[in-house]
PDB file of N, CA and C in Angstrom:
ATOM      1  N   MET A   1       0.848  -1.183   0.000  1.00  0.00           N
ATOM      2  CA  MET A   1       0.000   0.000   0.000  1.00  0.00           C
ATOM      3  C   MET A   1       0.891   1.244   0.000  1.00  0.00           C
ATOM      4  N   ILE A   2       0.429   2.272  -0.668  1.00  0.00           N
ATOM      5  CA  ILE A   2       1.143   3.541  -0.730  1.00  0.00           C
ATOM      6  C   ILE A   2       0.870   4.357   0.533  1.00  0.00           C
ATOM      7  N   ALA A   3       1.896   5.034   1.016  1.00  0.00           N
ATOM      8  CA  ALA A   3       1.754   5.981   2.123  1.00  0.00           C
ATOM      9  C   ALA A   3       2.317   7.322   1.644  1.00  0.00           C
ATOM     10  N   ILE A   4       1.454   8.336   1.593  1.00  0.00           N
ATOM     11  CA  ILE A   4       1.856   9.663   1.131  1.00  0.00           C
ATOM     12  C   ILE A   4       2.430  10.448   2.308  1.00  0.00           C
ATOM     13  N   LEU A   5       3.667  10.895   2.175  1.00  0.00           N
ATOM     14  CA  LEU A   5       4.308  11.678   3.223  1.00  0.00           C
ATOM     15  C   LEU A   5       4.047  13.158   2.992  1.00  0.00           C
ATOM     16  N   ASP A   6       3.621  13.859   4.038  1.00  0.00           N
ATOM     17  CA  ASP A   6       3.489  15.305   3.926  1.00  0.00           C
ATOM     18  C   ASP A   6       4.814  15.940   4.354  1.00  0.00           C
ATOM     19  N   ALA A   7       4.885  17.257   4.333  1.00  0.00           N
ATOM     20  CA  ALA A   7       6.137  17.947   4.625  1.00  0.00           C
ATOM     21  C   ALA A   7       6.646  17.642   6.033  1.00  0.00           C
ATOM     22  N   ASN A   8       5.755  17.644   7.029  1.00  0.00           N
ATOM     23  CA  ASN A   8       6.257  17.406   8.380  1.00  0.00           C
ATOM     24  C   ASN A   8       6.719  15.965   8.567  1.00  0.00           C
ATOM     25  N   ALA A   9       6.166  15.025   7.810  1.00  0.00           N
ATOM     26  CA  ALA A   9       6.641  13.639   7.877  1.00  0.00           C
ATOM     27  C   ALA A   9       8.059  13.528   7.331  1.00  0.00           C
ATOM     28  N   LEU A  10       8.354  14.309   6.294  1.00  0.00           N
ATOM     29  CA  LEU A  10       9.703  14.287   5.732  1.00  0.00           C
ATOM     30  C   LEU A  10      10.712  15.010   6.620  1.00  0.00           C
ATOM     31  N   LEU A  11      10.220  15.778   7.575  1.00  0.00           N
ATOM     32  CA  LEU A  11      11.108  16.437   8.543  1.00  0.00           C
ATOM     33  C   LEU A  11      11.411  15.547   9.759  1.00  0.00           C
ATOM     34  N   ILE A  12      10.687  14.448   9.925  1.00  0.00           N
ATOM     35  CA  ILE A  12      10.878  13.560  11.069  1.00  0.00           C
ATOM     36  C   ILE A  12      12.323  13.063  11.185  1.00  0.00           C
ATOM     37  N   PRO A  13      12.952  12.620  10.085  1.00  0.00           N
ATOM     38  CA  PRO A  13      14.349  12.155  10.230  1.00  0.00           C
ATOM     39  C   PRO A  13      15.279  13.240  10.777  1.00  0.00           C
ATOM     40  N   TRP A  14      15.073  14.474  10.376  1.00  0.00           N
ATOM     41  CA  TRP A  14      15.915  15.567  10.843  1.00  0.00           C
ATOM     42  C   TRP A  14      15.686  15.836  12.332  1.00  0.00           C
ATOM     43  N   HIS A  15      14.434  15.912  12.731  1.00  0.00           N
ATOM     44  CA  HIS A  15      14.113  16.289  14.104  1.00  0.00           C
ATOM     45  C   HIS A  15      14.263  15.145  15.113  1.00  0.00           C
ATOM     46  N   PHE A  16      13.961  13.923  14.692  1.00  0.00           N
ATOM     47  CA  PHE A  16      13.901  12.813  15.651  1.00  0.00           C
ATOM     48  C   PHE A  16      14.856  11.669  15.346  1.00  0.00           C
ATOM     49  N   LYS A  17      15.646  11.801  14.290  1.00  0.00           N
ATOM     50  CA  LYS A  17      16.637  10.775  13.916  1.00  0.00           C
ATOM     51  C   LYS A  17      15.988   9.404  13.728  1.00  0.00           C
ATOM     52  N   ILE A  18      14.842   9.407  13.070  1.00  0.00           N
ATOM     53  CA  ILE A  18      14.108   8.172  12.790  1.00  0.00           C
ATOM     54  C   ILE A  18      14.111   7.942  11.279  1.00  0.00           C
ATOM     55  N   ASP A  19      14.406   6.736  10.861  1.00  0.00           N
ATOM     56  CA  ASP A  19      14.392   6.381   9.446  1.00  0.00           C
ATOM     57  C   ASP A  19      12.939   6.071   9.048  1.00  0.00           C
ATOM     58  N   VAL A  20      12.244   7.082   8.546  1.00  0.00           N
ATOM     59  CA  VAL A  20      10.831   6.892   8.206  1.00  0.00           C
ATOM     60  C   VAL A  20      10.645   5.868   7.096  1.00  0.00           C
ATOM     61  N   PHE A  21      11.629   5.730   6.221  1.00  0.00           N
ATOM     62  CA  PHE A  21      11.504   4.779   5.119  1.00  0.00           C
ATOM     63  C   PHE A  21      11.561   3.344   5.634  1.00  0.00           C
ATOM     64  N   GLU A  22      12.458   3.081   6.565  1.00  0.00           N
ATOM     65  CA  GLU A  22      12.554   1.762   7.178  1.00  0.00           C
ATOM     66  C   GLU A  22      11.292   1.474   8.001  1.00  0.00           C
ATOM     67  N   GLU A  23      10.831   2.471   8.740  1.00  0.00           N
ATOM     68  CA  GLU A  23       9.607   2.320   9.538  1.00  0.00           C
ATOM     69  C   GLU A  23       8.414   1.986   8.632  1.00  0.00           C
ATOM     70  N   LEU A  24       8.292   2.697   7.522  1.00  0.00           N
ATOM     71  CA  LEU A  24       7.173   2.452   6.609  1.00  0.00           C
ATOM     72  C   LEU A  24       7.256   1.060   5.992  1.00  0.00           C
ATOM     73  N   ARG A  25       8.470   0.654   5.600  1.00  0.00           N
ATOM     74  CA  ARG A  25       8.627  -0.698   5.056  1.00  0.00           C
ATOM     75  C   ARG A  25       8.173  -1.734   6.086  1.00  0.00           C
ATOM     76  N   GLY A  26       8.541  -1.515   7.347  1.00  0.00           N
ATOM     77  CA  GLY A  26       8.151  -2.441   8.408  1.00  0.00           C
ATOM     78  C   GLY A  26       6.649  -2.515   8.606  1.00  0.00           C
ATOM     79  N   LEU A  27       5.958  -1.433   8.279  1.00  0.00           N
ATOM     80  CA  LEU A  27       4.494  -1.400   8.389  1.00  0.00           C
ATOM     81  C   LEU A  27       3.803  -1.852   7.096  1.00  0.00           C
ATOM     82  N   GLY A  28       4.611  -2.149   6.078  1.00  0.00           N
ATOM     83  CA  GLY A  28       4.055  -2.642   4.813  1.00  0.00           C
ATOM     84  C   GLY A  28       3.666  -1.557   3.822  1.00  0.00           C
ATOM     85  N   PHE A  29       4.246  -0.362   3.954  1.00  0.00           N
ATOM     86  CA  PHE A  29       3.927   0.748   3.069  1.00  0.00           C
ATOM     87  C   PHE A  29       5.080   1.099   2.145  1.00  0.00           C
ATOM     88  N   MET A  30       4.723   1.591   0.971  1.00  0.00           N
ATOM     89  CA  MET A  30       5.694   2.133   0.027  1.00  0.00           C
ATOM     90  C   MET A  30       5.621   3.660   0.124  1.00  0.00           C
ATOM     91  N   PRO A  31       6.746   4.343   0.401  1.00  0.00           N
ATOM     92  CA  PRO A  31       6.715   5.794   0.569  1.00  0.00           C
ATOM     93  C   PRO A  31       6.481   6.530  -0.743  1.00  0.00           C
ATOM     94  N   ALA A  32       5.603   7.522  -0.673  1.00  0.00           N
ATOM     95  CA  ALA A  32       5.290   8.357  -1.829  1.00  0.00           C
ATOM     96  C   ALA A  32       5.041   9.778  -1.338  1.00  0.00           C
ATOM     97  N   THR A  33       5.061  10.709  -2.238  1.00  0.00           N
ATOM     98  CA  THR A  33       4.683  12.081  -1.928  1.00  0.00           C
ATOM     99  C   THR A  33       4.130  12.711  -3.197  1.00  0.00           C
ATOM    100  N   ILE A  34       3.733  13.965  -3.083  1.00  0.00           N
ATOM    101  CA  ILE A  34       3.210  14.688  -4.244  1.00  0.00           C
ATOM    102  C   ILE A  34       4.079  15.914  -4.474  1.00  0.00           C
ATOM    103  N   GLU A  35       4.102  16.395  -5.686  1.00  0.00           N
ATOM    104  CA  GLU A  35       4.959  17.531  -6.042  1.00  0.00           C
ATOM    105  C   GLU A  35       4.675  18.781  -5.198  1.00  0.00           C
ATOM    106  N   PRO A  36       3.418  19.096  -4.854  1.00  0.00           N
ATOM    107  CA  PRO A  36       3.194  20.270  -4.004  1.00  0.00           C
ATOM    108  C   PRO A  36       3.890  20.187  -2.640  1.00  0.00           C
ATOM    109  N   VAL A  37       4.080  18.993  -2.110  1.00  0.00           N
ATOM    110  CA  VAL A  37       4.826  18.844  -0.852  1.00  0.00           C
ATOM    111  C   VAL A  37       6.288  19.204  -1.086  1.00  0.00           C
ATOM    112  N   ARG A  38       6.836  18.740  -2.201  1.00  0.00           N
ATOM    113  CA  ARG A  38       8.231  19.079  -2.529  1.00  0.00           C
ATOM    114  C   ARG A  38       8.372  20.591  -2.726  1.00  0.00           C
ATOM    115  N   HIS A  39       7.390  21.202  -3.354  1.00  0.00           N
ATOM    116  CA  HIS A  39       7.414  22.659  -3.545  1.00  0.00           C
ATOM    117  C   HIS A  39       7.360  23.368  -2.187  1.00  0.00           C
ATOM    118  N   GLU A  40       6.511  22.894  -1.297  1.00  0.00           N
ATOM    119  CA  GLU A  40       6.393  23.470   0.045  1.00  0.00           C
ATOM    120  C   GLU A  40       7.739  23.377   0.788  1.00  0.00           C
ATOM    121  N   LEU A  41       8.418  22.241   0.681  1.00  0.00           N
ATOM    122  CA  LEU A  41       9.717  22.081   1.322  1.00  0.00           C
ATOM    123  C   LEU A  41      10.760  23.011   0.707  1.00  0.00           C
ATOM    124  N   ASN A  42      10.687  23.196  -0.592  1.00  0.00           N
ATOM    125  CA  ASN A  42      11.612  24.106  -1.274  1.00  0.00           C
ATOM    126  C   ASN A  42      11.425  25.534  -0.761  1.00  0.00           C
ATOM    127  N   VAL A  43      10.179  25.961  -0.604  1.00  0.00           N
ATOM    128  CA  VAL A  43       9.882  27.299  -0.076  1.00  0.00           C
ATOM    129  C   VAL A  43      10.401  27.416   1.362  1.00  0.00           C
ATOM    130  N   LEU A  44      10.167  26.389   2.172  1.00  0.00           N
ATOM    131  CA  LEU A  44      10.640  26.402   3.560  1.00  0.00           C
ATOM    132  C   LEU A  44      12.164  26.454   3.634  1.00  0.00           C
ATOM    133  N   MET A  45      12.811  25.749   2.719  1.00  0.00           N
ATOM    134  CA  MET A  45      14.268  25.758   2.671  1.00  0.00           C
ATOM    135  C   MET A  45      14.777  27.172   2.354  1.00  0.00           C
ATOM    136  N   LYS A  46      14.144  27.821   1.384  1.00  0.00           N
ATOM    137  CA  LYS A  46      14.547  29.180   1.006  1.00  0.00           C
ATOM    138  C   LYS A  46      14.300  30.175   2.141  1.00  0.00           C
ATOM    139  N   LYS A  47      13.302  29.870   2.996  1.00  0.00           N
ATOM    140  CA  LYS A  47      13.028  30.729   4.155  1.00  0.00           C
ATOM    141  C   LYS A  47      13.963  30.427   5.319  1.00  0.00           C
ATOM    142  N   GLY A  48      14.792  29.393   5.174  1.00  0.00           N
ATOM    143  CA  GLY A  48      15.777  29.069   6.184  1.00  0.00           C
ATOM    144  C   GLY A  48      15.325  28.105   7.264  1.00  0.00           C
ATOM    145  N   LEU A  49      14.233  27.391   7.048  1.00  0.00           N
ATOM    146  CA  LEU A  49      13.781  26.420   8.046  1.00  0.00           C
ATOM    147  C   LEU A  49      14.807  25.304   8.178  1.00  0.00           C
ATOM    148  N   THR A  50      15.278  25.103   9.382  1.00  0.00           N
ATOM    149  CA  THR A  50      16.258  24.059   9.656  1.00  0.00           C
ATOM    150  C   THR A  50      15.686  22.693   9.298  1.00  0.00           C
ATOM    151  N   GLY A  51      16.423  21.947   8.511  1.00  0.00           N
ATOM    152  CA  GLY A  51      16.022  20.601   8.134  1.00  0.00           C
ATOM    153  C   GLY A  51      15.239  20.508   6.843  1.00  0.00           C
ATOM    154  N   ALA A  52      14.758  21.634   6.320  1.00  0.00           N
ATOM    155  CA  ALA A  52      13.937  21.581   5.107  1.00  0.00           C
ATOM    156  C   ALA A  52      14.730  21.069   3.903  1.00  0.00           C
ATOM    157  N   GLY A  53      15.990  21.431   3.814  1.00  0.00           N
ATOM    158  CA  GLY A  53      16.828  20.950   2.712  1.00  0.00           C
ATOM    159  C   GLY A  53      17.017  19.442   2.778  1.00  0.00           C
ATOM    160  N   VAL A  54      17.240  18.935   3.986  1.00  0.00           N
ATOM    161  CA  VAL A  54      17.374  17.485   4.171  1.00  0.00           C
ATOM    162  C   VAL A  54      16.061  16.797   3.800  1.00  0.00           C
ATOM    163  N   ALA A  55      14.943  17.357   4.258  1.00  0.00           N
ATOM    164  CA  ALA A  55      13.631  16.780   3.939  1.00  0.00           C
ATOM    165  C   ALA A  55      13.383  16.771   2.436  1.00  0.00           C
ATOM    166  N   LEU A  56      13.774  17.856   1.761  1.00  0.00           N
ATOM    167  CA  LEU A  56      13.601  17.924   0.311  1.00  0.00           C
ATOM    168  C   LEU A  56      14.435  16.844  -0.377  1.00  0.00           C
ATOM    169  N   SER A  57      15.669  16.656   0.074  1.00  0.00           N
ATOM    170  CA  SER A  57      16.497  15.618  -0.543  1.00  0.00           C
ATOM    171  C   SER A  57      15.950  14.222  -0.234  1.00  0.00           C
ATOM    172  N   LEU A  58      15.387  14.029   0.963  1.00  0.00           N
ATOM    173  CA  LEU A  58      14.782  12.733   1.287  1.00  0.00           C
ATOM    174  C   LEU A  58      13.552  12.452   0.434  1.00  0.00           C
ATOM    175  N   SER A  59      12.860  13.509   0.025  1.00  0.00           N
ATOM    176  CA  SER A  59      11.660  13.310  -0.800  1.00  0.00           C
ATOM    177  C   SER A  59      11.992  12.639  -2.127  1.00  0.00           C
ATOM    178  N   ALA A  60      13.258  12.709  -2.543  1.00  0.00           N
ATOM    179  CA  ALA A  60      13.679  12.045  -3.781  1.00  0.00           C
ATOM    180  C   ALA A  60      13.611  10.522  -3.638  1.00  0.00           C
ATOM    181  N   ARG A  61      13.577  10.031  -2.411  1.00  0.00           N
ATOM    182  CA  ARG A  61      13.467   8.586  -2.179  1.00  0.00           C
ATOM    183  C   ARG A  61      12.021   8.102  -2.260  1.00  0.00           C
ATOM    184  N   CYS A  62      11.088   9.022  -2.420  1.00  0.00           N
ATOM    185  CA  CYS A  62       9.669   8.691  -2.503  1.00  0.00           C
ATOM    186  C   CYS A  62       9.224   8.598  -3.951  1.00  0.00           C
ATOM    187  N   GLN A  63       8.246   7.769  -4.191  1.00  0.00           N
ATOM    188  CA  GLN A  63       7.581   7.770  -5.488  1.00  0.00           C
ATOM    189  C   GLN A  63       6.767   9.060  -5.551  1.00  0.00           C
ATOM    190  N   ILE A  64       6.879   9.806  -6.638  1.00  0.00           N
ATOM    191  CA  ILE A  64       6.082  11.023  -6.806  1.00  0.00           C
ATOM    192  C   ILE A  64       4.816  10.616  -7.558  1.00  0.00           C
ATOM    193  N   ILE A  65       3.667  10.817  -6.912  1.00  0.00           N
ATOM    194  CA  ILE A  65       2.419  10.435  -7.565  1.00  0.00           C
ATOM    195  C   ILE A  65       1.648  11.686  -7.975  1.00  0.00           C
ATOM    196  N   GLU A  66       0.857  11.507  -9.001  1.00  0.00           N
ATOM    197  CA  GLU A  66       0.076  12.613  -9.553  1.00  0.00           C
ATOM    198  C   GLU A  66      -0.992  13.050  -8.561  1.00  0.00           C
ATOM    199  N   THR A  67      -1.130  14.363  -8.401  1.00  0.00           N
ATOM    200  CA  THR A  67      -2.137  14.861  -7.464  1.00  0.00           C
ATOM    201  C   THR A  67      -3.530  14.771  -8.085  1.00  0.00           C
ATOM    202  N   ALA A  68      -4.500  14.702  -7.203  1.00  0.00           N
ATOM    203  CA  ALA A  68      -5.893  14.610  -7.639  1.00  0.00           C
ATOM    204  C   ALA A  68      -6.602  15.956  -7.492  1.00  0.00           C
ATOM    205  N   GLY A  69      -5.842  17.031  -7.341  1.00  0.00           N
ATOM    206  CA  GLY A  69      -6.427  18.371  -7.272  1.00  0.00           C
ATOM    207  C   GLY A  69      -6.803  18.794  -5.872  1.00  0.00           C
ATOM    208  N   GLY A  70      -7.056  20.090  -5.728  1.00  0.00           N
ATOM    209  CA  GLY A  70      -7.414  20.671  -4.445  1.00  0.00           C
ATOM    210  C   GLY A  70      -6.820  22.059  -4.340  1.00  0.00           C
ATOM    211  N   SER A  71      -7.385  22.872  -3.456  1.00  0.00           N
ATOM    212  CA  SER A  71      -6.945  24.261  -3.375  1.00  0.00           C
ATOM    213  C   SER A  71      -5.711  24.442  -2.496  1.00  0.00           C
ATOM    214  N   THR A  72      -5.518  23.571  -1.497  1.00  0.00           N
ATOM    215  CA  THR A  72      -4.348  23.667  -0.629  1.00  0.00           C
ATOM    216  C   THR A  72      -3.547  22.368  -0.737  1.00  0.00           C
ATOM    217  N   VAL A  73      -2.342  22.385  -0.204  1.00  0.00           N
ATOM    218  CA  VAL A  73      -1.527  21.167  -0.208  1.00  0.00           C
ATOM    219  C   VAL A  73      -2.251  20.066   0.574  1.00  0.00           C
ATOM    220  N   ASP A  74      -2.837  20.419   1.717  1.00  0.00           N
ATOM    221  CA  ASP A  74      -3.569  19.414   2.501  1.00  0.00           C
ATOM    222  C   ASP A  74      -4.744  18.832   1.718  1.00  0.00           C
ATOM    223  N   ASP A  75      -5.469  19.682   0.989  1.00  0.00           N
ATOM    224  CA  ASP A  75      -6.577  19.194   0.151  1.00  0.00           C
ATOM    225  C   ASP A  75      -6.060  18.239  -0.922  1.00  0.00           C
ATOM    226  N   GLN A  76      -4.916  18.589  -1.497  1.00  0.00           N
ATOM    227  CA  GLN A  76      -4.340  17.735  -2.539  1.00  0.00           C
ATOM    228  C   GLN A  76      -3.887  16.400  -1.962  1.00  0.00           C
ATOM    229  N   ILE A  77      -3.340  16.426  -0.746  1.00  0.00           N
ATOM    230  CA  ILE A  77      -2.955  15.172  -0.083  1.00  0.00           C
ATOM    231  C   ILE A  77      -4.198  14.312   0.155  1.00  0.00           C
ATOM    232  N   LEU A  78      -5.248  14.911   0.713  1.00  0.00           N
ATOM    233  CA  LEU A  78      -6.491  14.184   0.979  1.00  0.00           C
ATOM    234  C   LEU A  78      -7.075  13.597  -0.303  1.00  0.00           C
ATOM    235  N   ASN A  79      -7.229  14.414  -1.327  1.00  0.00           N
ATOM    236  CA  ASN A  79      -7.833  13.954  -2.577  1.00  0.00           C
ATOM    237  C   ASN A  79      -6.993  12.874  -3.250  1.00  0.00           C
ATOM    238  N   THR A  80      -5.684  13.009  -3.179  1.00  0.00           N
ATOM    239  CA  THR A  80      -4.796  12.008  -3.773  1.00  0.00           C
ATOM    240  C   THR A  80      -4.873  10.702  -2.991  1.00  0.00           C
ATOM    241  N   ALA A  81      -4.924  10.799  -1.660  1.00  0.00           N
ATOM    242  CA  ALA A  81      -5.049   9.593  -0.834  1.00  0.00           C
ATOM    243  C   ALA A  81      -6.350   8.865  -1.148  1.00  0.00           C
ATOM    244  N   LEU A  82      -7.429   9.617  -1.313  1.00  0.00           N
ATOM    245  CA  LEU A  82      -8.712   9.001  -1.652  1.00  0.00           C
ATOM    246  C   LEU A  82      -8.661   8.344  -3.030  1.00  0.00           C
ATOM    247  N   LYS A  83      -8.063   9.032  -3.999  1.00  0.00           N
ATOM    248  CA  LYS A  83      -7.987   8.507  -5.370  1.00  0.00           C
ATOM    249  C   LYS A  83      -7.199   7.201  -5.432  1.00  0.00           C
ATOM    250  N   TYR A  84      -6.059   7.152  -4.711  1.00  0.00           N
ATOM    251  CA  TYR A  84      -5.179   5.986  -4.780  1.00  0.00           C
ATOM    252  C   TYR A  84      -5.383   4.999  -3.627  1.00  0.00           C
ATOM    253  N   LYS A  85      -6.368   5.284  -2.767  1.00  0.00           N
ATOM    254  CA  LYS A  85      -6.610   4.443  -1.588  1.00  0.00           C
ATOM    255  C   LYS A  85      -5.317   4.289  -0.777  1.00  0.00           C
ATOM    256  N   ALA A  86      -4.646   5.411  -0.578  1.00  0.00           N
ATOM    257  CA  ALA A  86      -3.359   5.445   0.111  1.00  0.00           C
ATOM    258  C   ALA A  86      -3.531   5.901   1.551  1.00  0.00           C
ATOM    259  N   ALA A  87      -2.566   5.545   2.381  1.00  0.00           N
ATOM    260  CA  ALA A  87      -2.472   6.091   3.732  1.00  0.00           C
ATOM    261  C   ALA A  87      -1.705   7.415   3.642  1.00  0.00           C
ATOM    262  N   VAL A  88      -1.740   8.191   4.717  1.00  0.00           N
ATOM    263  CA  VAL A  88      -1.000   9.450   4.768  1.00  0.00           C
ATOM    264  C   VAL A  88      -0.168   9.476   6.043  1.00  0.00           C
ATOM    265  N   VAL A  89       1.109   9.840   5.894  1.00  0.00           N
ATOM    266  CA  VAL A  89       2.009   9.981   7.033  1.00  0.00           C
ATOM    267  C   VAL A  89       2.045  11.460   7.396  1.00  0.00           C
ATOM    268  N   THR A  90       1.553  11.786   8.592  1.00  0.00           N
ATOM    269  CA  THR A  90       1.520  13.178   9.044  1.00  0.00           C
ATOM    270  C   THR A  90       1.369  13.242  10.552  1.00  0.00           C
ATOM    271  N   ASN A  91       1.789  14.356  11.108  1.00  0.00           N
ATOM    272  CA  ASN A  91       1.507  14.660  12.507  1.00  0.00           C
ATOM    273  C   ASN A  91       0.683  15.924  12.615  1.00  0.00           C
ATOM    274  N   ASP A  92       0.245  16.454  11.483  1.00  0.00           N
ATOM    275  CA  ASP A  92      -0.568  17.668  11.455  1.00  0.00           C
ATOM    276  C   ASP A  92      -1.963  17.345  11.993  1.00  0.00           C
ATOM    277  N   LYS A  93      -2.306  17.961  13.115  1.00  0.00           N
ATOM    278  CA  LYS A  93      -3.557  17.663  13.822  1.00  0.00           C
ATOM    279  C   LYS A  93      -4.783  17.889  12.931  1.00  0.00           C
ATOM    280  N   ASP A  94      -4.831  19.024  12.243  1.00  0.00           N
ATOM    281  CA  ASP A  94      -5.997  19.329  11.407  1.00  0.00           C
ATOM    282  C   ASP A  94      -6.106  18.372  10.220  1.00  0.00           C
ATOM    283  N   LEU A  95      -4.971  18.084   9.602  1.00  0.00           N
ATOM    284  CA  LEU A  95      -4.982  17.161   8.476  1.00  0.00           C
ATOM    285  C   LEU A  95      -5.399  15.768   8.933  1.00  0.00           C
ATOM    286  N   LYS A  96      -4.899  15.317  10.081  1.00  0.00           N
ATOM    287  CA  LYS A  96      -5.287  13.992  10.585  1.00  0.00           C
ATOM    288  C   LYS A  96      -6.792  13.913  10.810  1.00  0.00           C
ATOM    289  N   ARG A  97      -7.373  14.962  11.382  1.00  0.00           N
ATOM    290  CA  ARG A  97      -8.819  14.978  11.621  1.00  0.00           C
ATOM    291  C   ARG A  97      -9.573  14.868  10.297  1.00  0.00           C
ATOM    292  N   GLU A  98      -9.156  15.645   9.311  1.00  0.00           N
ATOM    293  CA  GLU A  98      -9.793  15.629   7.993  1.00  0.00           C
ATOM    294  C   GLU A  98      -9.663  14.254   7.331  1.00  0.00           C
ATOM    295  N   LEU A  99      -8.488  13.670   7.420  1.00  0.00           N
ATOM    296  CA  LEU A  99      -8.264  12.348   6.827  1.00  0.00           C
ATOM    297  C   LEU A  99      -9.161  11.299   7.473  1.00  0.00           C
ATOM    298  N   ARG A 100      -9.238  11.336   8.793  1.00  0.00           N
ATOM    299  CA  ARG A 100     -10.083  10.376   9.513  1.00  0.00           C
ATOM    300  C   ARG A 100     -11.548  10.513   9.117  1.00  0.00           C
ATOM    301  N   GLU A 101     -12.008  11.769   8.967  1.00  0.00           N
ATOM    302  CA  GLU A 101     -13.401  12.005   8.575  1.00  0.00           C
ATOM    303  C   GLU A 101     -13.729  11.382   7.226  1.00  0.00           C
ATOM    304  N   HIS A 102     -12.706  11.229   6.385  1.00  0.00           N
ATOM    305  CA  HIS A 102     -12.908  10.640   5.059  1.00  0.00           C
ATOM    306  C   HIS A 102     -12.472   9.179   4.999  1.00  0.00           C
ATOM    307  N   GLY A 103     -12.145   8.599   6.151  1.00  0.00           N
ATOM    308  CA  GLY A 103     -11.785   7.185   6.194  1.00  0.00           C
ATOM    309  C   GLY A 103     -10.405   6.856   5.668  1.00  0.00           C
ATOM    310  N   VAL A 104      -9.513   7.844   5.628  1.00  0.00           N
ATOM    311  CA  VAL A 104      -8.155   7.614   5.145  1.00  0.00           C
ATOM    312  C   VAL A 104      -7.290   7.175   6.322  1.00  0.00           C
ATOM    313  N   ARG A 105      -6.512   6.133   6.112  1.00  0.00           N
ATOM    314  CA  ARG A 105      -5.582   5.647   7.131  1.00  0.00           C
ATOM    315  C   ARG A 105      -4.495   6.683   7.401  1.00  0.00           C
ATOM    316  N   VAL A 106      -4.169   6.881   8.671  1.00  0.00           N
ATOM    317  CA  VAL A 106      -3.139   7.838   9.071  1.00  0.00           C
ATOM    318  C   VAL A 106      -1.989   7.084   9.730  1.00  0.00           C
ATOM    319  N   VAL A 107      -0.770   7.402   9.307  1.00  0.00           N
ATOM    320  CA  VAL A 107       0.433   6.895   9.954  1.00  0.00           C
ATOM    321  C   VAL A 107       1.062   8.098  10.638  1.00  0.00           C
ATOM    322  N   GLN A 108       1.398   7.934  11.924  1.00  0.00           N
ATOM    323  CA  GLN A 108       1.906   9.076  12.672  1.00  0.00           C
ATOM    324  C   GLN A 108       3.082   8.686  13.555  1.00  0.00           C
ATOM    325  N   LEU A 109       3.830   9.694  13.959  1.00  0.00           N
ATOM    326  CA  LEU A 109       4.936   9.495  14.880  1.00  0.00           C
ATOM    327  C   LEU A 109       4.374   9.228  16.274  1.00  0.00           C
ATOM    328  N   ARG A 110       4.923   8.241  16.939  1.00  0.00           N
ATOM    329  CA  ARG A 110       4.455   7.910  18.280  1.00  0.00           C
ATOM    330  C   ARG A 110       5.659   7.935  19.231  1.00  0.00           C
ATOM    331  N   ASN A 111       5.501   8.622  20.349  1.00  0.00           N
ATOM    332  CA  ASN A 111       6.524   8.717  21.392  1.00  0.00           C
ATOM    333  C   ASN A 111       7.877   9.233  20.878  1.00  0.00           C
ATOM    334  N   LYS A 112       7.843   9.953  19.768  1.00  0.00           N
ATOM    335  CA  LYS A 112       9.068  10.508  19.158  1.00  0.00           C
ATOM    336  C   LYS A 112      10.097   9.424  18.857  1.00  0.00           C
ATOM    337  N   LYS A 113       9.609   8.168  18.665  1.00  0.00           N
ATOM    338  CA  LYS A 113      10.524   7.051  18.476  1.00  0.00           C
ATOM    339  C   LYS A 113      10.209   6.173  17.269  1.00  0.00           C
ATOM    340  N   TYR A 114       8.951   6.089  16.874  1.00  0.00           N
ATOM    341  CA  TYR A 114       8.594   5.175  15.790  1.00  0.00           C
ATOM    342  C   TYR A 114       7.289   5.634  15.145  1.00  0.00           C
ATOM    343  N   LEU A 115       6.992   5.064  13.980  1.00  0.00           N
ATOM    344  CA  LEU A 115       5.740   5.348  13.290  1.00  0.00           C
ATOM    345  C   LEU A 115       4.755   4.230  13.591  1.00  0.00           C
ATOM    346  N   GLU A 116       3.485   4.608  13.663  1.00  0.00           N
ATOM    347  CA  GLU A 116       2.434   3.607  13.842  1.00  0.00           C
ATOM    348  C   GLU A 116       1.207   4.022  13.065  1.00  0.00           C
ATOM    349  N   VAL A 117       0.430   3.030  12.694  1.00  0.00           N
ATOM    350  CA  VAL A 117      -0.838   3.278  12.021  1.00  0.00           C
ATOM    351  C   VAL A 117      -1.838   3.696  13.101  1.00  0.00           C
ATOM    352  N   ASP A 118      -2.445   4.841  12.898  1.00  0.00           N
ATOM    353  CA  ASP A 118      -3.451   5.357  13.840  1.00  0.00           C
ATOM    354  C   ASP A 118      -4.726   4.542  13.648  1.00  0.00           C
ATOM    355  N   LEU A 119      -5.238   3.998  14.716  1.00  0.00           N
ATOM    356  CA  LEU A 119      -6.412   3.143  14.632  1.00  0.00           C
ATOM    357  C   LEU A 119      -7.706   3.861  14.968  1.00  0.00           C
ATOM    358  N   GLN A 120      -7.664   5.196  15.117  1.00  0.00           N
ATOM    359  CA  GLN A 120      -8.876   5.938  15.479  1.00  0.00           C
ATOM    360  C   GLN A 120      -9.817   6.066  14.333  1.00  0.00           C
TER     361      GLN A 120
END
């Protein structure tokens, strides 16, 4: 199954020294992202956000999938997850709530040590 990583998921290795790709493989997911997430990381990098450059380079290890449209990056993540029946890796509280409302599986950081599938 595909797991779409949002920008904050790609920052996890920088902030918490966790190999999200290994964690996802262990959970049975193939890492993917969308181009708007890469664009968001590029903007953050230019603004000087610590770790954004590393996150952008890590995004190259993800399959880039075509977006299914939407007005914001979060909308595009949601719509793409619905289109491809994919899970989403995020710790964004609002995005997680929206994903759950639409029945999308959420993978999140737990105890700042590992990723887990949210069962809520």
